[in-house]
Amino acid sequence: MTRLHHMGITVSDTEAATAFYRAVTGGEVIGPLVKSGPSVEAATGYPGVEVVLTFIRVHDEVFLELAEYRNADNPRIDPDNGFVGAAHPAIVVDDIEAAIARAGTLGHAPLSAVMTGTAGPLEGYRYVYLRGPDDVRVELLEAPH
C-alpha cells in the first residue's frame, strides 16, 4: 500500500515554524535534529550546508518535516497557491475554531471565513486557509460530524 510519510517545508526560523505547526496540529514534536556532512551535502546539493530538521507527527506515521538550511544561499520563493509548483499542507483538525485561535495567538489569521466543501473528497469538510510562517499557505480541515 502506498501512503504519505511526510511533507517537507523549508523554513527560515525553526522555532517559529515549530510553534505554529505544533499549535495548529497538536502533534508531537521530534527534534530538532542537526544534519551535516558529505551525505547531506550530496543529497541537498549545497556544499557546507547544515540542515536543522524538526518533525511534527500529525497522525500515526504521518509527519510534517520542517527543514531550516544553514550556511546555504536561501532565496525566498513565493509559495502562493496560484503559482505553478506551489504546495500546501492540508491538515485535519478536531476543532477548526480552536486551531484558528491557537494560530492567532502566534499572529497567523485565517485568509477567509471558514467554508464547507460541497463536492468531491472535501464534501462536508469545513476548511480555511491560514498564511503560516514564511507565507506558506496552510489549509485546516474539520471532518464532517
N, C-alpha and C. Protein backbone atom coordinates (compact mmCIF):
# COMPACT_ATOMS: atom_id res chain seq x y z
N MET A 1 0.85 -1.18 0.00
CA MET A 1 0.00 0.00 0.00
C MET A 1 0.89 1.24 0.00
N THR A 2 0.55 2.22 -0.79
CA THR A 2 1.26 3.49 -0.83
C THR A 2 0.61 4.46 0.14
N ARG A 3 1.44 5.23 0.84
CA ARG A 3 0.90 6.23 1.76
C ARG A 3 1.89 7.38 1.85
N LEU A 4 1.43 8.50 2.31
CA LEU A 4 2.28 9.66 2.51
C LEU A 4 2.97 9.52 3.86
N HIS A 5 4.29 9.60 3.87
CA HIS A 5 5.05 9.55 5.12
C HIS A 5 5.21 10.95 5.71
N HIS A 6 5.64 11.91 4.88
CA HIS A 6 5.78 13.27 5.37
C HIS A 6 5.71 14.27 4.22
N MET A 7 5.47 15.50 4.60
CA MET A 7 5.55 16.62 3.69
C MET A 7 6.62 17.54 4.25
N GLY A 8 7.61 17.86 3.43
CA GLY A 8 8.69 18.73 3.87
C GLY A 8 8.40 20.18 3.54
N ILE A 9 8.71 21.07 4.47
CA ILE A 9 8.54 22.51 4.28
C ILE A 9 9.85 23.16 4.70
N THR A 10 10.47 23.91 3.78
CA THR A 10 11.68 24.65 4.12
C THR A 10 11.29 25.92 4.84
N VAL A 11 11.92 26.16 5.98
CA VAL A 11 11.56 27.28 6.84
C VAL A 11 12.78 28.16 7.11
N SER A 12 12.54 29.41 7.47
CA SER A 12 13.63 30.32 7.79
C SER A 12 13.93 30.35 9.29
N ASP A 13 12.97 29.93 10.11
CA ASP A 13 13.12 30.02 11.56
C ASP A 13 12.47 28.78 12.18
N THR A 14 13.31 27.83 12.57
CA THR A 14 12.82 26.56 13.11
C THR A 14 11.90 26.75 14.30
N GLU A 15 12.28 27.62 15.23
CA GLU A 15 11.48 27.79 16.45
C GLU A 15 10.09 28.33 16.13
N ALA A 16 10.02 29.37 15.29
CA ALA A 16 8.71 29.96 14.95
C ALA A 16 7.85 28.96 14.18
N ALA A 17 8.44 28.26 13.23
CA ALA A 17 7.68 27.29 12.45
C ALA A 17 7.19 26.14 13.33
N THR A 18 8.05 25.66 14.22
CA THR A 18 7.65 24.57 15.11
C THR A 18 6.49 25.01 16.01
N ALA A 19 6.58 26.22 16.54
CA ALA A 19 5.49 26.73 17.40
C ALA A 19 4.18 26.78 16.63
N PHE A 20 4.21 27.27 15.39
CA PHE A 20 2.99 27.38 14.59
C PHE A 20 2.40 26.00 14.29
N TYR A 21 3.20 25.10 13.71
CA TYR A 21 2.66 23.80 13.30
C TYR A 21 2.26 22.96 14.51
N ARG A 22 2.95 23.12 15.61
CA ARG A 22 2.55 22.42 16.84
C ARG A 22 1.20 22.97 17.33
N ALA A 23 1.04 24.30 17.24
CA ALA A 23 -0.20 24.93 17.70
C ALA A 23 -1.40 24.47 16.87
N VAL A 24 -1.26 24.42 15.56
CA VAL A 24 -2.43 24.07 14.74
C VAL A 24 -2.71 22.57 14.70
N THR A 25 -1.68 21.74 14.90
CA THR A 25 -1.91 20.29 14.83
C THR A 25 -2.06 19.62 16.18
N GLY A 26 -1.44 20.19 17.21
CA GLY A 26 -1.39 19.49 18.50
C GLY A 26 -0.47 18.29 18.45
N GLY A 27 0.31 18.17 17.38
CA GLY A 27 1.15 17.00 17.18
C GLY A 27 2.40 16.97 18.02
N GLU A 28 2.98 15.78 18.08
CA GLU A 28 4.22 15.55 18.82
C GLU A 28 5.40 16.13 18.04
N VAL A 29 6.27 16.85 18.72
CA VAL A 29 7.46 17.43 18.11
C VAL A 29 8.63 16.47 18.30
N ILE A 30 9.31 16.17 17.20
CA ILE A 30 10.51 15.33 17.24
C ILE A 30 11.66 16.16 16.68
N GLY A 31 12.63 16.44 17.51
CA GLY A 31 13.77 17.24 17.08
C GLY A 31 13.84 18.51 17.89
N PRO A 32 14.68 19.42 17.47
CA PRO A 32 15.36 19.46 16.18
C PRO A 32 16.56 18.50 16.11
N LEU A 33 16.80 18.02 14.90
CA LEU A 33 17.92 17.16 14.59
C LEU A 33 18.81 17.94 13.63
N VAL A 34 20.09 18.05 13.92
CA VAL A 34 21.01 18.80 13.07
C VAL A 34 21.80 17.82 12.23
N LYS A 35 21.74 18.01 10.91
CA LYS A 35 22.40 17.11 9.97
C LYS A 35 23.39 17.91 9.13
N SER A 36 24.58 17.34 8.91
CA SER A 36 25.59 17.97 8.06
C SER A 36 26.55 16.89 7.59
N GLY A 37 27.48 17.29 6.75
CA GLY A 37 28.49 16.36 6.27
C GLY A 37 28.29 16.00 4.81
N PRO A 38 29.19 15.18 4.30
CA PRO A 38 29.19 14.86 2.87
C PRO A 38 27.87 14.27 2.34
N SER A 39 27.23 13.41 3.10
CA SER A 39 25.99 12.81 2.60
C SER A 39 24.86 13.85 2.52
N VAL A 40 24.81 14.76 3.49
CA VAL A 40 23.79 15.82 3.47
C VAL A 40 24.09 16.79 2.33
N GLU A 41 25.35 17.12 2.13
CA GLU A 41 25.74 17.99 1.03
C GLU A 41 25.37 17.36 -0.32
N ALA A 42 25.61 16.07 -0.45
CA ALA A 42 25.28 15.37 -1.70
C ALA A 42 23.77 15.33 -1.92
N ALA A 43 23.01 15.05 -0.87
CA ALA A 43 21.55 14.94 -1.00
C ALA A 43 20.90 16.28 -1.32
N THR A 44 21.44 17.36 -0.74
CA THR A 44 20.82 18.68 -0.91
C THR A 44 21.41 19.47 -2.06
N GLY A 45 22.65 19.16 -2.44
CA GLY A 45 23.32 19.94 -3.47
C GLY A 45 23.93 21.23 -2.95
N TYR A 46 24.05 21.36 -1.62
CA TYR A 46 24.60 22.57 -1.01
C TYR A 46 25.87 22.24 -0.23
N PRO A 47 27.05 22.57 -0.80
CA PRO A 47 28.30 22.34 -0.06
C PRO A 47 28.32 23.14 1.25
N GLY A 48 28.73 22.49 2.32
CA GLY A 48 28.85 23.16 3.62
C GLY A 48 27.55 23.38 4.36
N VAL A 49 26.44 22.85 3.85
CA VAL A 49 25.14 23.09 4.47
C VAL A 49 25.00 22.33 5.78
N GLU A 50 24.24 22.92 6.68
CA GLU A 50 23.79 22.27 7.90
C GLU A 50 22.26 22.37 7.85
N VAL A 51 21.58 21.25 7.99
CA VAL A 51 20.12 21.24 7.93
C VAL A 51 19.57 20.90 9.31
N VAL A 52 18.72 21.78 9.81
CA VAL A 52 18.05 21.56 11.08
C VAL A 52 16.67 21.00 10.75
N LEU A 53 16.41 19.76 11.16
CA LEU A 53 15.14 19.09 10.86
C LEU A 53 14.31 18.95 12.14
N THR A 54 13.06 19.33 12.03
CA THR A 54 12.11 19.10 13.11
C THR A 54 10.89 18.45 12.49
N PHE A 55 10.41 17.39 13.10
CA PHE A 55 9.24 16.68 12.61
C PHE A 55 8.07 16.92 13.56
N ILE A 56 6.90 17.11 12.99
CA ILE A 56 5.66 17.20 13.76
C ILE A 56 4.82 15.99 13.35
N ARG A 57 4.56 15.10 14.29
CA ARG A 57 3.70 13.94 13.99
C ARG A 57 2.26 14.43 13.96
N VAL A 58 1.63 14.36 12.80
CA VAL A 58 0.25 14.83 12.68
C VAL A 58 -0.76 13.71 12.78
N HIS A 59 -0.32 12.48 12.48
CA HIS A 59 -1.23 11.33 12.60
C HIS A 59 -0.41 10.06 12.47
N ASP A 60 -0.51 9.17 13.42
CA ASP A 60 0.19 7.89 13.41
C ASP A 60 1.60 8.05 12.83
N GLU A 61 1.79 7.64 11.57
CA GLU A 61 3.11 7.70 10.94
C GLU A 61 3.14 8.73 9.82
N VAL A 62 2.43 9.83 9.97
CA VAL A 62 2.44 10.92 9.01
C VAL A 62 2.99 12.16 9.70
N PHE A 63 3.97 12.79 9.05
CA PHE A 63 4.70 13.88 9.66
C PHE A 63 4.77 15.11 8.75
N LEU A 64 4.91 16.27 9.37
CA LEU A 64 5.39 17.46 8.68
C LEU A 64 6.87 17.55 9.02
N GLU A 65 7.69 17.75 8.01
CA GLU A 65 9.13 17.91 8.22
C GLU A 65 9.48 19.37 7.97
N LEU A 66 9.99 20.03 8.99
CA LEU A 66 10.41 21.42 8.88
C LEU A 66 11.92 21.42 8.74
N ALA A 67 12.42 22.00 7.65
CA ALA A 67 13.86 21.98 7.36
C ALA A 67 14.38 23.40 7.23
N GLU A 68 15.32 23.74 8.10
CA GLU A 68 16.00 25.04 8.01
C GLU A 68 17.41 24.79 7.49
N TYR A 69 17.73 25.38 6.34
CA TYR A 69 19.05 25.22 5.73
C TYR A 69 19.95 26.35 6.22
N ARG A 70 21.03 25.99 6.87
CA ARG A 70 22.00 26.97 7.35
C ARG A 70 23.29 26.85 6.54
N ASN A 71 23.98 27.97 6.38
CA ASN A 71 25.21 28.03 5.59
C ASN A 71 24.95 27.75 4.11
N ALA A 72 23.80 28.16 3.63
CA ALA A 72 23.44 27.97 2.22
C ALA A 72 22.75 29.24 1.74
N ASP A 73 22.82 29.46 0.43
CA ASP A 73 22.07 30.56 -0.17
C ASP A 73 20.59 30.21 -0.02
N ASN A 74 19.82 31.07 0.63
CA ASN A 74 18.42 30.76 0.91
C ASN A 74 17.48 31.74 0.20
N PRO A 75 17.39 31.66 -1.13
CA PRO A 75 16.45 32.56 -1.79
C PRO A 75 15.03 32.21 -1.39
N ARG A 76 14.22 33.22 -1.21
CA ARG A 76 12.83 33.03 -0.80
C ARG A 76 11.95 32.94 -2.05
N ILE A 77 11.09 31.93 -2.10
CA ILE A 77 10.12 31.81 -3.17
C ILE A 77 8.78 32.34 -2.66
N ASP A 78 7.89 32.59 -3.56
CA ASP A 78 6.53 32.95 -3.15
C ASP A 78 5.68 31.69 -3.24
N PRO A 79 5.29 31.11 -2.09
CA PRO A 79 4.54 29.86 -2.11
C PRO A 79 3.03 30.03 -2.33
N ASP A 80 2.62 31.17 -2.89
CA ASP A 80 1.20 31.39 -3.15
C ASP A 80 0.61 30.21 -3.93
N ASN A 81 -0.54 29.75 -3.51
CA ASN A 81 -1.18 28.57 -4.12
C ASN A 81 -1.43 28.71 -5.62
N GLY A 82 -1.52 29.94 -6.13
CA GLY A 82 -1.77 30.13 -7.55
C GLY A 82 -0.54 29.96 -8.41
N PHE A 83 0.62 29.81 -7.81
CA PHE A 83 1.87 29.68 -8.57
C PHE A 83 2.10 28.20 -8.88
N VAL A 84 2.41 27.91 -10.13
CA VAL A 84 2.66 26.53 -10.54
C VAL A 84 3.82 25.97 -9.72
N GLY A 85 3.63 24.78 -9.19
CA GLY A 85 4.64 24.13 -8.37
C GLY A 85 4.49 24.38 -6.88
N ALA A 86 3.65 25.32 -6.50
CA ALA A 86 3.42 25.57 -5.08
C ALA A 86 2.68 24.38 -4.47
N ALA A 87 2.92 24.15 -3.20
CA ALA A 87 2.23 23.07 -2.49
C ALA A 87 1.79 23.62 -1.14
N HIS A 88 0.84 22.96 -0.54
CA HIS A 88 0.41 23.38 0.80
C HIS A 88 0.00 22.16 1.60
N PRO A 89 0.27 22.18 2.91
CA PRO A 89 -0.24 21.10 3.75
C PRO A 89 -1.73 21.33 4.03
N ALA A 90 -2.50 20.27 4.00
CA ALA A 90 -3.91 20.30 4.36
C ALA A 90 -4.05 19.39 5.57
N ILE A 91 -4.34 19.98 6.71
CA ILE A 91 -4.27 19.29 7.99
C ILE A 91 -5.66 19.15 8.58
N VAL A 92 -6.07 17.92 8.86
CA VAL A 92 -7.36 17.67 9.50
C VAL A 92 -7.20 17.88 11.00
N VAL A 93 -8.02 18.75 11.55
CA VAL A 93 -8.00 19.05 12.99
C VAL A 93 -9.36 18.68 13.59
N ASP A 94 -9.37 18.45 14.89
CA ASP A 94 -10.61 18.09 15.57
C ASP A 94 -11.56 19.27 15.70
N ASP A 95 -11.01 20.46 15.94
CA ASP A 95 -11.82 21.65 16.19
C ASP A 95 -11.18 22.82 15.45
N ILE A 96 -11.75 23.19 14.32
CA ILE A 96 -11.13 24.19 13.45
C ILE A 96 -11.07 25.56 14.12
N GLU A 97 -12.10 25.92 14.88
CA GLU A 97 -12.07 27.22 15.56
C GLU A 97 -10.96 27.28 16.61
N ALA A 98 -10.76 26.18 17.33
CA ALA A 98 -9.70 26.14 18.34
C ALA A 98 -8.33 26.24 17.68
N ALA A 99 -8.15 25.55 16.55
CA ALA A 99 -6.87 25.61 15.83
C ALA A 99 -6.62 27.03 15.31
N ILE A 100 -7.66 27.68 14.80
CA ILE A 100 -7.53 29.07 14.33
C ILE A 100 -7.15 29.97 15.49
N ALA A 101 -7.76 29.78 16.64
CA ALA A 101 -7.47 30.60 17.81
C ALA A 101 -6.02 30.42 18.26
N ARG A 102 -5.54 29.17 18.28
CA ARG A 102 -4.14 28.92 18.68
C ARG A 102 -3.17 29.57 17.70
N ALA A 103 -3.46 29.48 16.41
CA ALA A 103 -2.62 30.13 15.40
C ALA A 103 -2.66 31.64 15.57
N GLY A 104 -3.82 32.17 15.93
CA GLY A 104 -3.97 33.60 16.13
C GLY A 104 -3.10 34.14 17.24
N THR A 105 -2.87 33.35 18.28
CA THR A 105 -2.00 33.81 19.37
C THR A 105 -0.56 33.97 18.90
N LEU A 106 -0.23 33.36 17.75
CA LEU A 106 1.12 33.47 17.18
C LEU A 106 1.15 34.46 16.01
N GLY A 107 0.02 35.17 15.79
CA GLY A 107 -0.02 36.18 14.74
C GLY A 107 -0.43 35.69 13.37
N HIS A 108 -1.05 34.51 13.28
CA HIS A 108 -1.45 33.94 11.99
C HIS A 108 -2.97 33.88 11.93
N ALA A 109 -3.56 34.71 11.08
CA ALA A 109 -5.02 34.80 10.97
C ALA A 109 -5.50 34.04 9.73
N PRO A 110 -6.75 33.60 9.74
CA PRO A 110 -7.31 32.95 8.54
C PRO A 110 -7.43 33.95 7.40
N LEU A 111 -7.37 33.44 6.17
CA LEU A 111 -7.47 34.29 5.00
C LEU A 111 -8.91 34.54 4.59
N SER A 112 -9.86 33.82 5.21
CA SER A 112 -11.28 33.98 4.90
C SER A 112 -12.08 33.43 6.06
N ALA A 113 -13.39 33.47 5.92
CA ALA A 113 -14.25 32.77 6.87
C ALA A 113 -14.12 31.27 6.63
N VAL A 114 -14.47 30.47 7.62
CA VAL A 114 -14.49 29.01 7.46
C VAL A 114 -15.58 28.66 6.47
N MET A 115 -15.27 27.80 5.52
CA MET A 115 -16.22 27.38 4.48
C MET A 115 -16.48 25.88 4.59
N THR A 116 -17.46 25.39 3.84
CA THR A 116 -17.78 23.97 3.83
C THR A 116 -17.73 23.45 2.41
N GLY A 117 -16.99 22.35 2.21
CA GLY A 117 -16.90 21.74 0.89
C GLY A 117 -18.24 21.17 0.45
N THR A 118 -18.53 21.30 -0.83
CA THR A 118 -19.84 20.88 -1.34
C THR A 118 -19.78 19.70 -2.29
N ALA A 119 -18.57 19.28 -2.70
CA ALA A 119 -18.47 18.17 -3.66
C ALA A 119 -17.10 17.53 -3.55
N GLY A 120 -17.00 16.33 -4.11
CA GLY A 120 -15.72 15.65 -4.18
C GLY A 120 -15.22 15.18 -2.82
N PRO A 121 -13.90 14.95 -2.72
CA PRO A 121 -13.33 14.39 -1.48
C PRO A 121 -13.47 15.31 -0.27
N LEU A 122 -13.74 16.60 -0.48
CA LEU A 122 -13.89 17.53 0.64
C LEU A 122 -15.35 17.81 0.99
N GLU A 123 -16.28 17.10 0.36
CA GLU A 123 -17.69 17.34 0.65
C GLU A 123 -17.97 17.17 2.13
N GLY A 124 -18.57 18.20 2.72
CA GLY A 124 -18.93 18.18 4.12
C GLY A 124 -17.83 18.64 5.06
N TYR A 125 -16.60 18.70 4.59
CA TYR A 125 -15.50 19.18 5.42
C TYR A 125 -15.59 20.69 5.55
N ARG A 126 -15.33 21.18 6.76
CA ARG A 126 -15.17 22.62 6.96
C ARG A 126 -13.70 22.91 6.72
N TYR A 127 -13.39 24.05 6.08
CA TYR A 127 -11.99 24.35 5.77
C TYR A 127 -11.73 25.84 5.75
N VAL A 128 -10.45 26.16 5.94
CA VAL A 128 -9.99 27.55 5.87
C VAL A 128 -8.48 27.51 5.62
N TYR A 129 -7.99 28.55 4.98
CA TYR A 129 -6.55 28.70 4.79
C TYR A 129 -6.00 29.74 5.77
N LEU A 130 -4.78 29.48 6.24
CA LEU A 130 -4.02 30.43 7.03
C LEU A 130 -2.72 30.68 6.28
N ARG A 131 -2.15 31.85 6.48
CA ARG A 131 -0.80 32.10 5.97
C ARG A 131 0.14 31.86 7.14
N GLY A 132 0.88 30.77 7.05
CA GLY A 132 1.77 30.38 8.13
C GLY A 132 3.13 31.03 8.00
N PRO A 133 4.10 30.55 8.77
CA PRO A 133 5.46 31.08 8.69
C PRO A 133 5.99 31.00 7.26
N ASP A 134 6.77 31.99 6.87
CA ASP A 134 7.36 32.08 5.54
C ASP A 134 6.30 32.14 4.44
N ASP A 135 5.11 32.61 4.79
CA ASP A 135 3.99 32.79 3.87
C ASP A 135 3.46 31.50 3.25
N VAL A 136 3.78 30.35 3.84
CA VAL A 136 3.24 29.08 3.36
C VAL A 136 1.75 29.05 3.66
N ARG A 137 0.95 28.73 2.66
CA ARG A 137 -0.50 28.60 2.86
C ARG A 137 -0.77 27.25 3.48
N VAL A 138 -1.50 27.24 4.57
CA VAL A 138 -1.82 26.02 5.31
C VAL A 138 -3.33 25.90 5.35
N GLU A 139 -3.84 24.77 4.88
CA GLU A 139 -5.28 24.52 4.88
C GLU A 139 -5.62 23.70 6.11
N LEU A 140 -6.57 24.22 6.89
CA LEU A 140 -7.09 23.45 8.02
C LEU A 140 -8.44 22.86 7.61
N LEU A 141 -8.66 21.62 7.95
CA LEU A 141 -9.90 20.92 7.63
C LEU A 141 -10.49 20.33 8.90
N GLU A 142 -11.80 20.35 8.99
CA GLU A 142 -12.51 19.66 10.06
C GLU A 142 -13.47 18.68 9.40
N ALA A 143 -13.35 17.41 9.75
CA ALA A 143 -14.18 16.37 9.14
C ALA A 143 -15.65 16.58 9.47
N PRO A 144 -16.54 16.13 8.57
CA PRO A 144 -17.98 16.24 8.86
C PRO A 144 -18.32 15.45 10.13
N HIS A 145 -19.26 15.99 10.88
CA HIS A 145 -19.69 15.31 12.11
C HIS A 145 -20.97 14.57 11.86
